[in-house]
Amino acid sequence: YYYIGNYDSSLKNLEESIKINPKNEEAYFFKGQVYEMKKDYKEAIKNYKISVELNKNNIFSLYKLTKLNYFLGSDDALEYLKRLFAIEDKFYLASFLKSKIT
């Protein structure tokens, strides 16, 4: 559903997945993706944070948290960037953000 732009159905399926397995970090990541596409950045950040709580080494969620917080002007972007590069110091997606944030 996500790839054809049916975000409400995507969210419904992801919620069902989370009911089955509340520790499914990927479901929270993809919920964040859906909310980001819907431009509901508060909900996107909330779900990316849950994904990171479930797996502190989830570099994709950390990247999304860095990017969204940077574009929203939040000081939290630097903290997420530091956490990301502590795990993967050559993460290609975040390299361009590093020069802007630090």
PDB file of N, CA and C in Angstrom:
ATOM      1  N   TYR A   1       0.812  -1.206   0.000  1.00  0.00           N
ATOM      2  CA  TYR A   1       0.000   0.000   0.000  1.00  0.00           C
ATOM      3  C   TYR A   1       0.853   1.267   0.000  1.00  0.00           C
ATOM      4  N   TYR A   2       1.953   1.214   0.717  1.00  0.00           N
ATOM      5  CA  TYR A   2       2.828   2.382   0.838  1.00  0.00           C
ATOM      6  C   TYR A   2       3.304   2.871  -0.528  1.00  0.00           C
ATOM      7  N   TYR A   3       3.733   1.930  -1.365  1.00  0.00           N
ATOM      8  CA  TYR A   3       4.341   2.299  -2.641  1.00  0.00           C
ATOM      9  C   TYR A   3       3.343   2.833  -3.663  1.00  0.00           C
ATOM     10  N   ILE A   4       2.053   2.604  -3.416  1.00  0.00           N
ATOM     11  CA  ILE A   4       1.054   3.179  -4.318  1.00  0.00           C
ATOM     12  C   ILE A   4       0.376   4.393  -3.678  1.00  0.00           C
ATOM     13  N   GLY A   5       0.902   4.825  -2.532  1.00  0.00           N
ATOM     14  CA  GLY A   5       0.400   6.039  -1.902  1.00  0.00           C
ATOM     15  C   GLY A   5      -0.842   5.860  -1.051  1.00  0.00           C
ATOM     16  N   ASN A   6      -1.189   4.624  -0.742  1.00  0.00           N
ATOM     17  CA  ASN A   6      -2.360   4.367   0.104  1.00  0.00           C
ATOM     18  C   ASN A   6      -1.882   4.298   1.559  1.00  0.00           C
ATOM     19  N   TYR A   7      -1.658   5.471   2.133  1.00  0.00           N
ATOM     20  CA  TYR A   7      -1.028   5.558   3.444  1.00  0.00           C
ATOM     21  C   TYR A   7      -1.935   5.106   4.577  1.00  0.00           C
ATOM     22  N   ASP A   8      -3.235   5.340   4.446  1.00  0.00           N
ATOM     23  CA  ASP A   8      -4.147   4.914   5.508  1.00  0.00           C
ATOM     24  C   ASP A   8      -4.180   3.391   5.627  1.00  0.00           C
ATOM     25  N   SER A   9      -4.192   2.707   4.503  1.00  0.00           N
ATOM     26  CA  SER A   9      -4.150   1.237   4.537  1.00  0.00           C
ATOM     27  C   SER A   9      -2.800   0.750   5.060  1.00  0.00           C
ATOM     28  N   SER A  10      -1.752   1.453   4.701  1.00  0.00           N
ATOM     29  CA  SER A  10      -0.419   1.105   5.218  1.00  0.00           C
ATOM     30  C   SER A  10      -0.409   1.188   6.739  1.00  0.00           C
ATOM     31  N   LEU A  11      -0.939   2.290   7.266  1.00  0.00           N
ATOM     32  CA  LEU A  11      -0.972   2.462   8.718  1.00  0.00           C
ATOM     33  C   LEU A  11      -1.806   1.370   9.387  1.00  0.00           C
ATOM     34  N   LYS A  12      -2.911   1.028   8.790  1.00  0.00           N
ATOM     35  CA  LYS A  12      -3.768  -0.028   9.348  1.00  0.00           C
ATOM     36  C   LYS A  12      -3.007  -1.355   9.423  1.00  0.00           C
ATOM     37  N   ASN A  13      -2.323  -1.710   8.347  1.00  0.00           N
ATOM     38  CA  ASN A  13      -1.548  -2.957   8.333  1.00  0.00           C
ATOM     39  C   ASN A  13      -0.406  -2.918   9.340  1.00  0.00           C
ATOM     40  N   LEU A  14       0.243  -1.778   9.459  1.00  0.00           N
ATOM     41  CA  LEU A  14       1.347  -1.662  10.417  1.00  0.00           C
ATOM     42  C   LEU A  14       0.842  -1.753  11.851  1.00  0.00           C
ATOM     43  N   GLU A  15      -0.315  -1.180  12.125  1.00  0.00           N
ATOM     44  CA  GLU A  15      -0.905  -1.287  13.462  1.00  0.00           C
ATOM     45  C   GLU A  15      -1.228  -2.741  13.797  1.00  0.00           C
ATOM     46  N   GLU A  16      -1.745  -3.473  12.821  1.00  0.00           N
ATOM     47  CA  GLU A  16      -2.027  -4.897  13.028  1.00  0.00           C
ATOM     48  C   GLU A  16      -0.742  -5.668  13.310  1.00  0.00           C
ATOM     49  N   SER A  17       0.311  -5.333  12.601  1.00  0.00           N
ATOM     50  CA  SER A  17       1.604  -5.972  12.818  1.00  0.00           C
ATOM     51  C   SER A  17       2.122  -5.691  14.228  1.00  0.00           C
ATOM     52  N   ILE A  18       1.956  -4.447  14.683  1.00  0.00           N
ATOM     53  CA  ILE A  18       2.420  -4.069  16.011  1.00  0.00           C
ATOM     54  C   ILE A  18       1.595  -4.765  17.096  1.00  0.00           C
ATOM     55  N   LYS A  19       0.298  -4.963  16.847  1.00  0.00           N
ATOM     56  CA  LYS A  19      -0.529  -5.702  17.818  1.00  0.00           C
ATOM     57  C   LYS A  19      -0.018  -7.127  17.984  1.00  0.00           C
ATOM     58  N   ILE A  20       0.402  -7.728  16.884  1.00  0.00           N
ATOM     59  CA  ILE A  20       0.924  -9.099  16.922  1.00  0.00           C
ATOM     60  C   ILE A  20       2.286  -9.134  17.604  1.00  0.00           C
ATOM     61  N   ASN A  21       3.126  -8.150  17.287  1.00  0.00           N
ATOM     62  CA  ASN A  21       4.469  -8.097  17.854  1.00  0.00           C
ATOM     63  C   ASN A  21       4.810  -6.652  18.216  1.00  0.00           C
ATOM     64  N   PRO A  22       4.517  -6.246  19.459  1.00  0.00           N
ATOM     65  CA  PRO A  22       4.767  -4.859  19.867  1.00  0.00           C
ATOM     66  C   PRO A  22       6.243  -4.450  19.847  1.00  0.00           C
ATOM     67  N   LYS A  23       7.140  -5.386  19.704  1.00  0.00           N
ATOM     68  CA  LYS A  23       8.573  -5.072  19.672  1.00  0.00           C
ATOM     69  C   LYS A  23       9.132  -5.084  18.253  1.00  0.00           C
ATOM     70  N   ASN A  24       8.244  -4.956  17.283  1.00  0.00           N
ATOM     71  CA  ASN A  24       8.648  -4.978  15.877  1.00  0.00           C
ATOM     72  C   ASN A  24       9.173  -3.600  15.484  1.00  0.00           C
ATOM     73  N   GLU A  25      10.464  -3.426  15.609  1.00  0.00           N
ATOM     74  CA  GLU A  25      11.094  -2.127  15.323  1.00  0.00           C
ATOM     75  C   GLU A  25      10.870  -1.682  13.886  1.00  0.00           C
ATOM     76  N   GLU A  26      10.838  -2.626  12.959  1.00  0.00           N
ATOM     77  CA  GLU A  26      10.639  -2.274  11.555  1.00  0.00           C
ATOM     78  C   GLU A  26       9.251  -1.701  11.305  1.00  0.00           C
ATOM     79  N   ALA A  27       8.252  -2.218  12.004  1.00  0.00           N
ATOM     80  CA  ALA A  27       6.890  -1.688  11.837  1.00  0.00           C
ATOM     81  C   ALA A  27       6.842  -0.231  12.281  1.00  0.00           C
ATOM     82  N   TYR A  28       7.522   0.086  13.372  1.00  0.00           N
ATOM     83  CA  TYR A  28       7.566   1.481  13.824  1.00  0.00           C
ATOM     84  C   TYR A  28       8.345   2.354  12.842  1.00  0.00           C
ATOM     85  N   PHE A  29       9.416   1.810  12.292  1.00  0.00           N
ATOM     86  CA  PHE A  29      10.170   2.567  11.289  1.00  0.00           C
ATOM     87  C   PHE A  29       9.274   2.893  10.096  1.00  0.00           C
ATOM     88  N   PHE A  30       8.564   1.880   9.596  1.00  0.00           N
ATOM     89  CA  PHE A  30       7.715   2.114   8.435  1.00  0.00           C
ATOM     90  C   PHE A  30       6.519   3.008   8.764  1.00  0.00           C
ATOM     91  N   LYS A  31       6.026   2.935  10.002  1.00  0.00           N
ATOM     92  CA  LYS A  31       4.992   3.900  10.407  1.00  0.00           C
ATOM     93  C   LYS A  31       5.556   5.320  10.337  1.00  0.00           C
ATOM     94  N   GLY A  32       6.784   5.473  10.777  1.00  0.00           N
ATOM     95  CA  GLY A  32       7.436   6.774  10.669  1.00  0.00           C
ATOM     96  C   GLY A  32       7.524   7.229   9.222  1.00  0.00           C
ATOM     97  N   GLN A  33       7.860   6.307   8.343  1.00  0.00           N
ATOM     98  CA  GLN A  33       7.941   6.623   6.916  1.00  0.00           C
ATOM     99  C   GLN A  33       6.586   7.115   6.390  1.00  0.00           C
ATOM    100  N   VAL A  34       5.531   6.401   6.760  1.00  0.00           N
ATOM    101  CA  VAL A  34       4.200   6.771   6.287  1.00  0.00           C
ATOM    102  C   VAL A  34       3.820   8.162   6.796  1.00  0.00           C
ATOM    103  N   TYR A  35       4.040   8.389   8.092  1.00  0.00           N
ATOM    104  CA  TYR A  35       3.707   9.707   8.640  1.00  0.00           C
ATOM    105  C   TYR A  35       4.565  10.808   8.013  1.00  0.00           C
ATOM    106  N   GLU A  36       5.792  10.491   7.709  1.00  0.00           N
ATOM    107  CA  GLU A  36       6.652  11.478   7.047  1.00  0.00           C
ATOM    108  C   GLU A  36       6.094  11.826   5.664  1.00  0.00           C
ATOM    109  N   MET A  37       5.642  10.811   4.936  1.00  0.00           N
ATOM    110  CA  MET A  37       5.046  11.063   3.623  1.00  0.00           C
ATOM    111  C   MET A  37       3.762  11.883   3.741  1.00  0.00           C
ATOM    112  N   LYS A  38       3.049  11.694   4.846  1.00  0.00           N
ATOM    113  CA  LYS A  38       1.812  12.454   5.076  1.00  0.00           C
ATOM    114  C   LYS A  38       2.102  13.848   5.645  1.00  0.00           C
ATOM    115  N   LYS A  39       3.378  14.139   5.835  1.00  0.00           N
ATOM    116  CA  LYS A  39       3.850  15.412   6.398  1.00  0.00           C
ATOM    117  C   LYS A  39       3.399  15.621   7.844  1.00  0.00           C
ATOM    118  N   ASP A  40       3.179  14.516   8.543  1.00  0.00           N
ATOM    119  CA  ASP A  40       2.868  14.561   9.972  1.00  0.00           C
ATOM    120  C   ASP A  40       4.171  14.231  10.699  1.00  0.00           C
ATOM    121  N   TYR A  41       5.034  15.242  10.781  1.00  0.00           N
ATOM    122  CA  TYR A  41       6.390  15.023  11.272  1.00  0.00           C
ATOM    123  C   TYR A  41       6.435  14.674  12.751  1.00  0.00           C
ATOM    124  N   LYS A  42       5.492  15.176  13.535  1.00  0.00           N
ATOM    125  CA  LYS A  42       5.451  14.847  14.960  1.00  0.00           C
ATOM    126  C   LYS A  42       5.237  13.342  15.155  1.00  0.00           C
ATOM    127  N   GLU A  43       4.294  12.776  14.409  1.00  0.00           N
ATOM    128  CA  GLU A  43       4.037  11.336  14.508  1.00  0.00           C
ATOM    129  C   GLU A  43       5.190  10.530  13.906  1.00  0.00           C
ATOM    130  N   ALA A  44       5.787  11.044  12.857  1.00  0.00           N
ATOM    131  CA  ALA A  44       6.934  10.354  12.255  1.00  0.00           C
ATOM    132  C   ALA A  44       8.062  10.249  13.273  1.00  0.00           C
ATOM    133  N   ILE A  45       8.383  11.363  13.909  1.00  0.00           N
ATOM    134  CA  ILE A  45       9.454  11.372  14.914  1.00  0.00           C
ATOM    135  C   ILE A  45       9.118  10.436  16.059  1.00  0.00           C
ATOM    136  N   LYS A  46       7.884  10.461  16.518  1.00  0.00           N
ATOM    137  CA  LYS A  46       7.450   9.576  17.612  1.00  0.00           C
ATOM    138  C   LYS A  46       7.716   8.110  17.262  1.00  0.00           C
ATOM    139  N   ASN A  47       7.383   7.709  16.044  1.00  0.00           N
ATOM    140  CA  ASN A  47       7.565   6.309  15.651  1.00  0.00           C
ATOM    141  C   ASN A  47       9.017   5.958  15.400  1.00  0.00           C
ATOM    142  N   TYR A  48       9.796   6.877  14.849  1.00  0.00           N
ATOM    143  CA  TYR A  48      11.232   6.616  14.705  1.00  0.00           C
ATOM    144  C   TYR A  48      11.889   6.467  16.075  1.00  0.00           C
ATOM    145  N   LYS A  49      11.444   7.259  17.047  1.00  0.00           N
ATOM    146  CA  LYS A  49      12.001   7.141  18.402  1.00  0.00           C
ATOM    147  C   LYS A  49      11.692   5.775  19.007  1.00  0.00           C
ATOM    148  N   ILE A  50      10.477   5.296  18.806  1.00  0.00           N
ATOM    149  CA  ILE A  50      10.126   3.966  19.325  1.00  0.00           C
ATOM    150  C   ILE A  50      10.991   2.905  18.661  1.00  0.00           C
ATOM    151  N   SER A  51      11.207   3.035  17.365  1.00  0.00           N
ATOM    152  CA  SER A  51      12.057   2.087  16.651  1.00  0.00           C
ATOM    153  C   SER A  51      13.464   2.052  17.250  1.00  0.00           C
ATOM    154  N   VAL A  52      14.000   3.233  17.591  1.00  0.00           N
ATOM    155  CA  VAL A  52      15.338   3.314  18.191  1.00  0.00           C
ATOM    156  C   VAL A  52      15.326   2.785  19.627  1.00  0.00           C
ATOM    157  N   GLU A  53      14.235   2.996  20.341  1.00  0.00           N
ATOM    158  CA  GLU A  53      14.141   2.433  21.692  1.00  0.00           C
ATOM    159  C   GLU A  53      14.193   0.904  21.648  1.00  0.00           C
ATOM    160  N   LEU A  54      13.596   0.336  20.619  1.00  0.00           N
ATOM    161  CA  LEU A  54      13.582  -1.120  20.480  1.00  0.00           C
ATOM    162  C   LEU A  54      14.910  -1.668  19.957  1.00  0.00           C
ATOM    163  N   ASN A  55      15.620  -0.845  19.193  1.00  0.00           N
ATOM    164  CA  ASN A  55      16.932  -1.239  18.678  1.00  0.00           C
ATOM    165  C   ASN A  55      17.803   0.007  18.588  1.00  0.00           C
ATOM    166  N   LYS A  56      18.637   0.207  19.583  1.00  0.00           N
ATOM    167  CA  LYS A  56      19.457   1.423  19.650  1.00  0.00           C
ATOM    168  C   LYS A  56      20.428   1.550  18.482  1.00  0.00           C
ATOM    169  N   ASN A  57      20.647   0.459  17.739  1.00  0.00           N
ATOM    170  CA  ASN A  57      21.569   0.481  16.599  1.00  0.00           C
ATOM    171  C   ASN A  57      20.861   0.616  15.254  1.00  0.00           C
ATOM    172  N   ASN A  58      19.610   1.014  15.266  1.00  0.00           N
ATOM    173  CA  ASN A  58      18.854   1.169  14.027  1.00  0.00           C
ATOM    174  C   ASN A  58      19.289   2.462  13.336  1.00  0.00           C
ATOM    175  N   ILE A  59      20.262   2.334  12.447  1.00  0.00           N
ATOM    176  CA  ILE A  59      20.851   3.518  11.826  1.00  0.00           C
ATOM    177  C   ILE A  59      19.865   4.246  10.908  1.00  0.00           C
ATOM    178  N   PHE A  60      18.911   3.528  10.345  1.00  0.00           N
ATOM    179  CA  PHE A  60      17.954   4.188   9.458  1.00  0.00           C
ATOM    180  C   PHE A  60      16.993   5.075  10.241  1.00  0.00           C
ATOM    181  N   SER A  61      16.551   4.611  11.393  1.00  0.00           N
ATOM    182  CA  SER A  61      15.696   5.449  12.236  1.00  0.00           C
ATOM    183  C   SER A  61      16.483   6.622  12.810  1.00  0.00           C
ATOM    184  N   LEU A  62      17.726   6.381  13.192  1.00  0.00           N
ATOM    185  CA  LEU A  62      18.560   7.484  13.681  1.00  0.00           C
ATOM    186  C   LEU A  62      18.790   8.525  12.594  1.00  0.00           C
ATOM    187  N   TYR A  63      18.986   8.068  11.372  1.00  0.00           N
ATOM    188  CA  TYR A  63      19.148   9.004  10.258  1.00  0.00           C
ATOM    189  C   TYR A  63      17.882   9.840  10.079  1.00  0.00           C
ATOM    190  N   LYS A  64      16.727   9.180  10.091  1.00  0.00           N
ATOM    191  CA  LYS A  64      15.470   9.899   9.914  1.00  0.00           C
ATOM    192  C   LYS A  64      15.252  10.900  11.048  1.00  0.00           C
ATOM    193  N   LEU A  65      15.604  10.519  12.266  1.00  0.00           N
ATOM    194  CA  LEU A  65      15.484  11.443  13.395  1.00  0.00           C
ATOM    195  C   LEU A  65      16.428  12.631  13.228  1.00  0.00           C
ATOM    196  N   THR A  66      17.627  12.361  12.753  1.00  0.00           N
ATOM    197  CA  THR A  66      18.582  13.446  12.494  1.00  0.00           C
ATOM    198  C   THR A  66      18.025  14.393  11.441  1.00  0.00           C
ATOM    199  N   LYS A  67      17.593  13.830  10.327  1.00  0.00           N
ATOM    200  CA  LYS A  67      17.117  14.631   9.202  1.00  0.00           C
ATOM    201  C   LYS A  67      15.886  15.463   9.566  1.00  0.00           C
ATOM    202  N   LEU A  68      14.888  14.828  10.162  1.00  0.00           N
ATOM    203  CA  LEU A  68      13.663  15.568  10.490  1.00  0.00           C
ATOM    204  C   LEU A  68      13.923  16.655  11.529  1.00  0.00           C
ATOM    205  N   ASN A  69      14.699  16.320  12.543  1.00  0.00           N
ATOM    206  CA  ASN A  69      14.994  17.328  13.568  1.00  0.00           C
ATOM    207  C   ASN A  69      15.804  18.480  12.987  1.00  0.00           C
ATOM    208  N   TYR A  70      16.709  18.190  12.060  1.00  0.00           N
ATOM    209  CA  TYR A  70      17.480  19.249  11.415  1.00  0.00           C
ATOM    210  C   TYR A  70      16.557  20.174  10.617  1.00  0.00           C
ATOM    211  N   PHE A  71      15.720  19.576   9.792  1.00  0.00           N
ATOM    212  CA  PHE A  71      14.849  20.388   8.948  1.00  0.00           C
ATOM    213  C   PHE A  71      13.784  21.136   9.751  1.00  0.00           C
ATOM    214  N   LEU A  72      13.460  20.627  10.935  1.00  0.00           N
ATOM    215  CA  LEU A  72      12.494  21.315  11.799  1.00  0.00           C
ATOM    216  C   LEU A  72      13.179  22.319  12.727  1.00  0.00           C
ATOM    217  N   GLY A  73      14.520  22.402  12.642  1.00  0.00           N
ATOM    218  CA  GLY A  73      15.266  23.375  13.429  1.00  0.00           C
ATOM    219  C   GLY A  73      15.477  22.985  14.880  1.00  0.00           C
ATOM    220  N   SER A  74      15.393  21.699  15.176  1.00  0.00           N
ATOM    221  CA  SER A  74      15.558  21.226  16.553  1.00  0.00           C
ATOM    222  C   SER A  74      17.027  20.934  16.866  1.00  0.00           C
ATOM    223  N   ASP A  75      17.430  21.298  18.068  1.00  0.00           N
ATOM    224  CA  ASP A  75      18.792  20.996  18.526  1.00  0.00           C
ATOM    225  C   ASP A  75      19.025  19.501  18.710  1.00  0.00           C
ATOM    226  N   ASP A  76      17.956  18.709  18.743  1.00  0.00           N
ATOM    227  CA  ASP A  76      18.093  17.262  18.899  1.00  0.00           C
ATOM    228  C   ASP A  76      18.812  16.623  17.716  1.00  0.00           C
ATOM    229  N   ALA A  77      18.845  17.302  16.590  1.00  0.00           N
ATOM    230  CA  ALA A  77      19.483  16.740  15.392  1.00  0.00           C
ATOM    231  C   ALA A  77      20.939  16.364  15.660  1.00  0.00           C
ATOM    232  N   LEU A  78      21.665  17.210  16.359  1.00  0.00           N
ATOM    233  CA  LEU A  78      23.077  16.937  16.630  1.00  0.00           C
ATOM    234  C   LEU A  78      23.238  15.689  17.489  1.00  0.00           C
ATOM    235  N   GLU A  79      22.389  15.521  18.476  1.00  0.00           N
ATOM    236  CA  GLU A  79      22.470  14.339  19.341  1.00  0.00           C
ATOM    237  C   GLU A  79      22.224  13.058  18.544  1.00  0.00           C
ATOM    238  N   TYR A  80      21.206  13.079  17.697  1.00  0.00           N
ATOM    239  CA  TYR A  80      20.937  11.892  16.879  1.00  0.00           C
ATOM    240  C   TYR A  80      22.068  11.629  15.890  1.00  0.00           C
ATOM    241  N   LEU A  81      22.643  12.690  15.339  1.00  0.00           N
ATOM    242  CA  LEU A  81      23.771  12.526  14.424  1.00  0.00           C
ATOM    243  C   LEU A  81      24.955  11.883  15.137  1.00  0.00           C
ATOM    244  N   LYS A  82      25.238  12.333  16.348  1.00  0.00           N
ATOM    245  CA  LYS A  82      26.339  11.743  17.123  1.00  0.00           C
ATOM    246  C   LYS A  82      26.085  10.265  17.390  1.00  0.00           C
ATOM    247  N   ARG A  83      24.864   9.925  17.745  1.00  0.00           N
ATOM    248  CA  ARG A  83      24.528   8.519  18.006  1.00  0.00           C
ATOM    249  C   ARG A  83      24.677   7.686  16.731  1.00  0.00           C
ATOM    250  N   LEU A  84      24.251   8.264  15.619  1.00  0.00           N
ATOM    251  CA  LEU A  84      24.347   7.564  14.343  1.00  0.00           C
ATOM    252  C   LEU A  84      25.798   7.295  13.970  1.00  0.00           C
ATOM    253  N   PHE A  85      26.642   8.317  14.033  1.00  0.00           N
ATOM    254  CA  PHE A  85      28.041   8.140  13.646  1.00  0.00           C
ATOM    255  C   PHE A  85      28.842   7.332  14.661  1.00  0.00           C
ATOM    256  N   ALA A  86      28.365   7.224  15.882  1.00  0.00           N
ATOM    257  CA  ALA A  86      29.015   6.335  16.848  1.00  0.00           C
ATOM    258  C   ALA A  86      28.820   4.869  16.444  1.00  0.00           C
ATOM    259  N   ILE A  87      27.738   4.603  15.736  1.00  0.00           N
ATOM    260  CA  ILE A  87      27.444   3.236  15.281  1.00  0.00           C
ATOM    261  C   ILE A  87      28.072   2.986  13.911  1.00  0.00           C
ATOM    262  N   GLU A  88      27.880   3.936  13.010  1.00  0.00           N
ATOM    263  CA  GLU A  88      28.346   3.785  11.627  1.00  0.00           C
ATOM    264  C   GLU A  88      28.912   5.122  11.162  1.00  0.00           C
ATOM    265  N   ASP A  89      30.227   5.267  11.266  1.00  0.00           N
ATOM    266  CA  ASP A  89      30.852   6.573  11.019  1.00  0.00           C
ATOM    267  C   ASP A  89      30.932   6.969   9.546  1.00  0.00           C
ATOM    268  N   LYS A  90      30.578   6.070   8.661  1.00  0.00           N
ATOM    269  CA  LYS A  90      30.599   6.395   7.232  1.00  0.00           C
ATOM    270  C   LYS A  90      29.225   6.212   6.598  1.00  0.00           C
ATOM    271  N   PHE A  91      28.190   6.434   7.372  1.00  0.00           N
ATOM    272  CA  PHE A  91      26.827   6.242   6.866  1.00  0.00           C
ATOM    273  C   PHE A  91      26.547   7.273   5.773  1.00  0.00           C
ATOM    274  N   TYR A  92      26.469   6.795   4.567  1.00  0.00           N
ATOM    275  CA  TYR A  92      26.427   7.676   3.394  1.00  0.00           C
ATOM    276  C   TYR A  92      25.234   8.620   3.372  1.00  0.00           C
ATOM    277  N   LEU A  93      24.072   8.199   3.855  1.00  0.00           N
ATOM    278  CA  LEU A  93      22.901   9.067   3.810  1.00  0.00           C
ATOM    279  C   LEU A  93      23.041  10.293   4.712  1.00  0.00           C
ATOM    280  N   ALA A  94      23.777  10.136   5.797  1.00  0.00           N
ATOM    281  CA  ALA A  94      23.886  11.234   6.761  1.00  0.00           C
ATOM    282  C   ALA A  94      25.109  12.122   6.520  1.00  0.00           C
ATOM    283  N   SER A  95      25.945  11.756   5.593  1.00  0.00           N
ATOM    284  CA  SER A  95      27.179  12.516   5.386  1.00  0.00           C
ATOM    285  C   SER A  95      26.914  13.977   5.054  1.00  0.00           C
ATOM    286  N   PHE A  96      25.913  14.247   4.231  1.00  0.00           N
ATOM    287  CA  PHE A  96      25.646  15.639   3.869  1.00  0.00           C
ATOM    288  C   PHE A  96      25.103  16.435   5.060  1.00  0.00           C
ATOM    289  N   LEU A  97      24.392  15.777   5.967  1.00  0.00           N
ATOM    290  CA  LEU A  97      23.880  16.468   7.152  1.00  0.00           C
ATOM    291  C   LEU A  97      25.000  16.829   8.116  1.00  0.00           C
ATOM    292  N   LYS A  98      26.026  16.010   8.160  1.00  0.00           N
ATOM    293  CA  LYS A  98      27.118  16.232   9.102  1.00  0.00           C
ATOM    294  C   LYS A  98      27.734  17.621   8.902  1.00  0.00           C
ATOM    295  N   SER A  99      27.955  18.004   7.659  1.00  0.00           N
ATOM    296  CA  SER A  99      28.579  19.321   7.420  1.00  0.00           C
ATOM    297  C   SER A  99      27.650  20.486   7.781  1.00  0.00           C
ATOM    298  N   LYS A 100      26.358  20.256   7.747  1.00  0.00           N
ATOM    299  CA  LYS A 100      25.402  21.315   8.045  1.00  0.00           C
ATOM    300  C   LYS A 100      25.140  21.446   9.542  1.00  0.00           C
ATOM    301  N   ILE A 101      25.216  20.325  10.259  1.00  0.00           N
ATOM    302  CA  ILE A 101      24.863  20.327  11.678  1.00  0.00           C
ATOM    303  C   ILE A 101      26.057  20.646  12.568  1.00  0.00           C
ATOM    304  N   THR A 102      27.229  20.116  12.202  1.00  0.00           N
ATOM    305  CA  THR A 102      28.392  20.292  13.074  1.00  0.00           C
ATOM    306  C   THR A 102      29.217  21.490  12.675  1.00  0.00           C
TER     307      THR A 102
END
